[in-house]
Amino acid sequence: MKPESPRSPGLLIPILGGLVLATISFASPENAPAIPPMPSMPNAAAARELTGKVALVTGGTRNLGRGYAVGLARMGADVVVHHHLPADRSDAEVTARIVREHGVRAHLVAGDLSRTETIQRIFNETIDAFGRVDIVINNAGIIVKKPIAEITEEEFDRVFAMNARGTFFMMQHAARRVSDDGRIINIGTSLTASFSPNYGLYAGSKASIEQFTRALAREIGHRGITVNCVSPGPVDTPFFRGPEAPEAVARAATLAVAGRLGRPDDITPLVEFLASPRSQWLTGQTIFINGGYTGR
C-alpha cells in the first residue's frame, strides 16, 4: 500500500475571534517536484560575458558616462563613445583609449542628440563600424539649476530637447535597430522622487524617461529586449558639483545613510548587470540607486 503523505500536527488558527483546529497536508519529499539548481553567478568582468556585443554610450566622455563605457569594455563589449561638442573630443578620446586597454574595440561618434538626423547618423555609424548594436546607454543630459519662477523659455526648450526629446528618439531608433535580446538602459535621476527646490526643470525633463521606459519595455519585450531606467542620486562628479555651492555639496553628502556622496563605482555595477544576460527578467523598471538618499 502506498504510504500516505505526512501530515502536520493540527494548528489552531484564529478566525473572527474564535479558534479552528486545522490539519495541513504537505507533499511527501519523494513526490515533490525537483527544484533545478540556481545558475552560478560568475564575476561579470572575469567572465567577459558581453564578448561579441556592441554597446553605444551617449555622453561617454567623462563622469558616469565614462564609467559605463569602461565597465562594459571590462565585460568584453566593443564600445561606441558619443560626445556632443567638438570641445569634448579630447575627453572622448581618453575614454576610447581606456576602453581599448581592456582588449576591445572603441569608436567615436559626435553630435547633438536633440536632432533626429544626428541620432540616425550615429546608429548608422555604429553599425557601419561594428556590424550591429546590442546595448544602448542613454546617458547624455544637461542640467539647469534655477527656481521655476526664473527659468527662461530658451532654458526650458534646451533642457527638454536634450533630456526628454533626445532620449525619446534615441529609444525609438534603438527599438528599430538593437539586436534581439538587446538592452536599452536609460539614465534618470533620483530627484524625481524628492522635494528638492531649484531642480524642477531638470527633474521634470527626466521624469518623462520613466514612462518612456515602461512603454517601450512592453512594446519590444517579445524580442527579448529589456528596457530599464537607472536613477542615481548625488554622485561626486563635476556634473553634480558644477551648479552646486560648497555648502550644498556638504549637505547632499549627509543625506545618504553612509554620510557621503555616491561614487561612479557605486552606480556602474548596476548598469553592467542590466546590460548582461543575467538581467533578462528585469524590464520596465526605474531603479533608484542613491545610498538611501530618497526612494519611492
Protein backbone atom coordinates (compact mmCIF):
# COMPACT_ATOMS: atom_id res chain seq x y z
CA MET A 1 0.00 0.00 0.00
CA LYS A 2 1.29 3.43 -0.90
CA PRO A 3 2.07 5.37 2.27
CA GLU A 4 0.08 8.49 2.92
CA SER A 5 1.75 11.87 2.62
CA PRO A 6 2.93 13.08 6.01
CA ARG A 7 0.63 15.49 7.73
CA SER A 8 1.41 18.34 10.05
CA PRO A 9 0.07 18.44 13.60
CA GLY A 10 -3.19 20.28 13.98
CA LEU A 11 -2.81 24.04 14.02
CA LEU A 12 -5.05 26.42 15.93
CA ILE A 13 -5.95 29.20 13.52
CA PRO A 14 -7.85 32.26 14.82
CA ILE A 15 -10.87 33.32 12.79
CA LEU A 16 -13.17 36.15 13.79
CA GLY A 17 -12.24 35.87 17.44
CA GLY A 18 -12.61 32.05 17.62
CA LEU A 19 -10.21 29.17 17.07
CA VAL A 20 -10.37 26.41 14.46
CA LEU A 21 -8.29 23.26 14.52
CA ALA A 22 -6.89 22.77 11.02
CA THR A 23 -4.79 19.98 9.57
CA ILE A 24 -2.40 20.93 6.76
CA SER A 25 -1.10 18.35 4.30
CA PHE A 26 2.29 18.50 2.67
CA ALA A 27 3.52 16.55 -0.33
CA SER A 28 5.99 13.85 0.62
CA PRO A 29 9.59 14.55 -0.31
CA GLU A 30 9.72 11.69 -2.77
CA ASN A 31 6.72 13.09 -4.70
CA ALA A 32 7.78 16.72 -4.65
CA PRO A 33 8.87 18.20 -8.00
CA ALA A 34 12.59 18.58 -8.40
CA ILE A 35 13.85 22.13 -7.98
CA PRO A 36 16.54 22.94 -10.55
CA PRO A 37 19.77 24.30 -9.11
CA MET A 38 20.34 28.03 -9.26
CA PRO A 39 22.77 29.01 -12.01
CA SER A 40 26.14 30.18 -10.82
CA MET A 41 26.76 33.90 -10.97
CA PRO A 42 30.31 34.43 -12.21
CA ASN A 43 32.11 37.69 -11.81
CA ALA A 44 30.89 39.68 -14.81
CA ALA A 45 34.23 41.16 -15.76
CA ALA A 46 36.10 37.88 -15.30
CA ALA A 47 33.53 36.03 -17.40
CA ARG A 48 33.70 38.62 -20.22
CA GLU A 49 30.03 37.83 -20.70
CA LEU A 50 29.50 40.65 -23.21
CA THR A 51 32.13 39.39 -25.65
CA GLY A 52 30.84 39.90 -29.19
CA LYS A 53 28.34 42.55 -28.13
CA VAL A 54 28.41 46.21 -29.17
CA ALA A 55 27.42 48.99 -26.77
CA LEU A 56 26.59 52.60 -27.66
CA VAL A 57 27.07 55.02 -24.75
CA THR A 58 25.84 58.59 -25.18
CA GLY A 59 27.63 61.28 -23.21
CA GLY A 60 30.52 58.89 -22.72
CA THR A 61 33.25 61.47 -22.40
CA ARG A 62 33.59 61.76 -18.62
CA ASN A 63 31.77 61.35 -15.28
CA LEU A 64 29.38 58.41 -15.16
CA GLY A 65 29.33 58.07 -18.94
CA ARG A 66 33.00 57.13 -18.95
CA GLY A 67 32.34 54.71 -16.09
CA TYR A 68 29.61 52.94 -18.08
CA ALA A 69 31.76 52.70 -21.20
CA VAL A 70 34.75 51.28 -19.34
CA GLY A 71 32.61 48.88 -17.31
CA LEU A 72 31.06 47.39 -20.46
CA ALA A 73 34.52 47.13 -22.03
CA ARG A 74 35.72 45.15 -18.99
CA MET A 75 32.86 42.75 -19.68
CA GLY A 76 34.05 42.25 -23.26
CA ALA A 77 31.82 44.60 -25.26
CA ASP A 78 33.07 46.81 -28.07
CA VAL A 79 32.04 50.37 -27.23
CA VAL A 80 30.89 53.33 -29.28
CA VAL A 81 31.55 56.53 -27.32
CA HIS A 82 29.35 59.52 -28.13
CA HIS A 83 30.32 63.12 -27.41
CA HIS A 84 28.28 66.23 -28.01
CA LEU A 85 30.61 69.09 -28.98
CA PRO A 86 33.98 69.33 -30.77
CA ALA A 87 35.42 70.60 -27.48
CA ASP A 88 34.54 67.24 -25.89
CA ARG A 89 36.57 65.25 -28.43
CA SER A 90 39.72 65.00 -26.34
CA ASP A 91 37.81 63.62 -23.34
CA ALA A 92 36.05 61.13 -25.62
CA GLU A 93 39.43 60.00 -26.93
CA VAL A 94 40.59 59.37 -23.35
CA THR A 95 37.53 57.20 -22.77
CA ALA A 96 38.19 55.32 -26.01
CA ARG A 97 41.81 54.72 -25.03
CA ILE A 98 40.79 53.25 -21.66
CA VAL A 99 38.19 51.09 -23.40
CA ARG A 100 40.83 49.68 -25.77
CA GLU A 101 43.10 48.86 -22.83
CA HIS A 102 40.57 46.15 -21.99
CA GLY A 103 41.22 44.37 -25.28
CA VAL A 104 38.10 45.52 -27.13
CA ARG A 105 37.39 47.99 -29.91
CA ALA A 106 36.24 51.59 -29.50
CA HIS A 107 34.74 54.03 -31.96
CA LEU A 108 33.88 57.72 -31.53
CA VAL A 109 30.67 59.40 -32.72
CA ALA A 110 29.60 63.00 -32.23
CA GLY A 111 26.59 65.25 -32.48
CA ASP A 112 23.59 66.98 -30.96
CA LEU A 113 21.12 64.33 -29.81
CA SER A 114 18.22 66.77 -29.83
CA ARG A 115 18.32 66.42 -33.63
CA THR A 116 16.83 63.21 -35.02
CA GLU A 117 19.11 63.26 -38.08
CA THR A 118 22.09 63.12 -35.71
CA ILE A 119 20.64 60.09 -33.93
CA GLN A 120 20.04 58.28 -37.20
CA ARG A 121 23.59 59.00 -38.31
CA ILE A 122 25.04 57.75 -35.01
CA PHE A 123 23.23 54.43 -35.34
CA ASN A 124 24.36 54.18 -38.96
CA GLU A 125 27.98 54.84 -37.97
CA THR A 126 27.79 52.31 -35.15
CA ILE A 127 26.51 49.56 -37.43
CA ASP A 128 28.94 50.51 -40.19
CA ALA A 129 31.83 50.26 -37.72
CA PHE A 130 30.87 47.08 -35.85
CA GLY A 131 28.04 45.47 -37.78
CA ARG A 132 25.45 45.57 -35.00
CA VAL A 133 24.31 47.28 -31.82
CA ASP A 134 23.22 45.29 -28.79
CA ILE A 135 23.27 47.73 -25.87
CA VAL A 136 22.30 51.39 -25.74
CA ILE A 137 23.06 53.51 -22.66
CA ASN A 138 21.12 56.78 -22.85
CA ASN A 139 23.32 58.81 -20.55
CA ALA A 140 23.65 62.22 -22.24
CA GLY A 141 21.91 65.06 -20.44
CA ILE A 142 22.18 68.67 -19.34
CA ILE A 143 21.20 70.45 -16.16
CA VAL A 144 19.93 73.93 -15.31
CA LYS A 145 19.52 74.61 -11.59
CA LYS A 146 17.22 77.57 -11.04
CA PRO A 147 13.89 78.32 -9.36
CA ILE A 148 10.97 77.64 -11.70
CA ALA A 149 9.97 81.31 -11.49
CA GLU A 150 13.30 82.30 -13.07
CA ILE A 151 13.62 79.73 -15.88
CA THR A 152 13.54 81.19 -19.37
CA GLU A 153 11.73 79.70 -22.33
CA GLU A 154 15.08 79.10 -24.01
CA GLU A 155 16.36 77.16 -21.00
CA PHE A 156 13.19 75.07 -20.85
CA ASP A 157 13.41 74.19 -24.54
CA ARG A 158 17.12 73.39 -24.36
CA VAL A 159 16.83 71.07 -21.35
CA PHE A 160 13.79 69.21 -22.65
CA ALA A 161 15.33 68.97 -26.13
CA MET A 162 18.29 67.01 -24.75
CA ASN A 163 16.93 65.16 -21.73
CA ALA A 164 13.44 64.24 -22.95
CA ARG A 165 13.33 64.59 -26.74
CA GLY A 166 16.86 63.29 -27.28
CA THR A 167 16.31 60.27 -25.06
CA PHE A 168 12.93 59.54 -26.66
CA PHE A 169 14.30 59.44 -30.20
CA MET A 170 17.39 57.51 -29.12
CA MET A 171 14.98 54.93 -27.70
CA GLN A 172 12.93 54.97 -30.88
CA HIS A 173 15.94 54.25 -33.08
CA ALA A 174 17.21 51.68 -30.58
CA ALA A 175 13.84 49.90 -30.74
CA ARG A 176 14.25 49.63 -34.51
CA ARG A 177 17.93 48.70 -34.65
CA VAL A 178 19.07 46.97 -31.47
CA SER A 179 19.55 43.23 -31.91
CA ASP A 180 17.10 40.77 -30.36
CA ASP A 181 17.91 40.06 -26.69
CA GLY A 182 19.48 43.52 -26.51
CA ARG A 183 19.44 46.05 -23.71
CA ILE A 184 18.29 49.68 -23.53
CA ILE A 185 19.31 51.44 -20.32
CA ASN A 186 18.15 54.99 -19.70
CA ILE A 187 19.77 57.20 -17.08
CA GLY A 188 17.28 59.17 -15.00
CA THR A 189 17.64 60.85 -11.61
CA SER A 190 16.58 60.24 -8.02
CA LEU A 191 15.39 63.85 -7.97
CA THR A 192 12.09 62.64 -9.48
CA ALA A 193 11.33 61.22 -6.03
CA SER A 194 12.48 64.21 -3.98
CA PHE A 195 11.18 67.65 -2.99
CA SER A 196 14.44 69.40 -3.85
CA PRO A 197 14.00 73.05 -4.88
CA ASN A 198 15.61 74.54 -7.98
CA TYR A 199 15.74 71.22 -9.82
CA GLY A 200 12.20 71.30 -11.17
CA LEU A 201 13.24 71.74 -14.79
CA TYR A 202 15.93 69.05 -14.71
CA ALA A 203 13.86 66.52 -12.74
CA GLY A 204 10.78 67.23 -14.84
CA SER A 205 12.67 66.57 -18.06
CA LYS A 206 14.00 63.30 -16.64
CA ALA A 207 10.62 62.16 -15.28
CA SER A 208 9.34 61.56 -18.80
CA ILE A 209 12.05 58.93 -19.29
CA GLU A 210 10.44 56.71 -16.67
CA GLN A 211 7.22 56.49 -18.68
CA PHE A 212 9.08 56.04 -21.97
CA THR A 213 10.88 53.14 -20.30
CA ARG A 214 7.70 51.39 -19.18
CA ALA A 215 6.01 51.78 -22.55
CA LEU A 216 8.93 50.62 -24.68
CA ALA A 217 9.59 47.63 -22.42
CA ARG A 218 6.09 46.38 -23.27
CA GLU A 219 6.33 47.22 -26.94
CA ILE A 220 9.54 45.31 -27.73
CA GLY A 221 9.79 42.81 -24.90
CA HIS A 222 8.68 39.96 -27.19
CA ARG A 223 12.08 40.27 -28.89
CA GLY A 224 13.91 39.60 -25.64
CA ILE A 225 14.98 43.24 -25.34
CA THR A 226 14.83 44.73 -21.86
CA VAL A 227 14.37 48.44 -21.18
CA ASN A 228 15.15 49.94 -17.77
CA CYS A 229 15.85 53.30 -16.15
CA VAL A 230 18.67 53.78 -13.65
CA SER A 231 18.18 56.84 -11.43
CA PRO A 232 21.27 57.81 -9.42
CA GLY A 233 21.32 60.22 -6.52
CA PRO A 234 24.10 62.77 -5.95
CA VAL A 235 27.36 61.37 -7.34
CA ASP A 236 30.70 63.05 -6.73
CA THR A 237 31.47 64.14 -10.29
CA PRO A 238 31.97 67.52 -11.97
CA PHE A 239 28.45 67.16 -13.41
CA PHE A 240 27.00 67.23 -9.89
CA ARG A 241 29.39 69.74 -8.38
CA GLY A 242 29.15 72.19 -11.30
CA PRO A 243 25.95 74.03 -10.29
CA GLU A 244 26.35 73.48 -6.54
CA ALA A 245 27.72 75.74 -3.83
CA PRO A 246 30.15 74.04 -1.41
CA GLU A 247 27.57 74.07 1.39
CA ALA A 248 25.01 72.36 -0.86
CA VAL A 249 27.54 69.63 -1.69
CA ALA A 250 28.24 69.13 2.01
CA ARG A 251 24.54 68.87 2.81
CA ALA A 252 23.92 66.39 -0.01
CA ALA A 253 26.63 64.18 1.43
CA THR A 254 24.68 63.89 4.69
CA LEU A 255 21.50 62.63 3.02
CA ALA A 256 22.75 59.13 2.16
CA VAL A 257 22.86 56.63 5.01
CA ALA A 258 26.64 56.31 4.65
CA GLY A 259 27.07 60.06 5.08
CA ARG A 260 28.86 60.59 1.76
CA LEU A 261 28.21 61.33 -1.88
CA GLY A 262 27.92 58.45 -4.29
CA ARG A 263 30.87 57.48 -6.44
CA PRO A 264 30.80 56.30 -10.06
CA ASP A 265 31.77 52.80 -8.94
CA ASP A 266 28.64 52.71 -6.77
CA ILE A 267 26.50 53.10 -9.89
CA THR A 268 28.29 51.33 -12.72
CA PRO A 269 27.82 47.75 -11.38
CA LEU A 270 24.05 48.14 -11.70
CA VAL A 271 24.35 49.24 -15.33
CA GLU A 272 26.76 46.38 -16.00
CA PHE A 273 24.23 43.91 -14.56
CA LEU A 274 21.36 45.37 -16.59
CA ALA A 275 23.48 45.08 -19.74
CA SER A 276 24.16 41.40 -19.07
CA PRO A 277 22.15 38.29 -19.97
CA ARG A 278 21.53 37.77 -16.22
CA SER A 279 19.05 40.67 -16.16
CA GLN A 280 16.56 39.09 -18.59
CA TRP A 281 13.69 39.05 -16.06
CA LEU A 282 14.11 42.72 -15.14
CA THR A 283 12.44 45.17 -17.51
CA GLY A 284 10.28 48.28 -17.49
CA GLN A 285 11.66 49.35 -14.12
CA THR A 286 13.01 52.59 -12.67
CA ILE A 287 15.71 51.70 -10.16
CA PHE A 288 16.79 54.32 -7.63
CA ILE A 289 20.43 53.89 -6.63
CA ASN A 290 21.39 56.55 -4.14
CA GLY A 291 22.53 55.11 -0.82
CA GLY A 292 19.20 55.86 0.85
CA TYR A 293 19.04 59.47 -0.31
CA THR A 294 15.41 59.05 -1.33
CA GLY A 295 13.03 56.39 -2.57
CA ARG A 296 9.57 55.76 -3.95
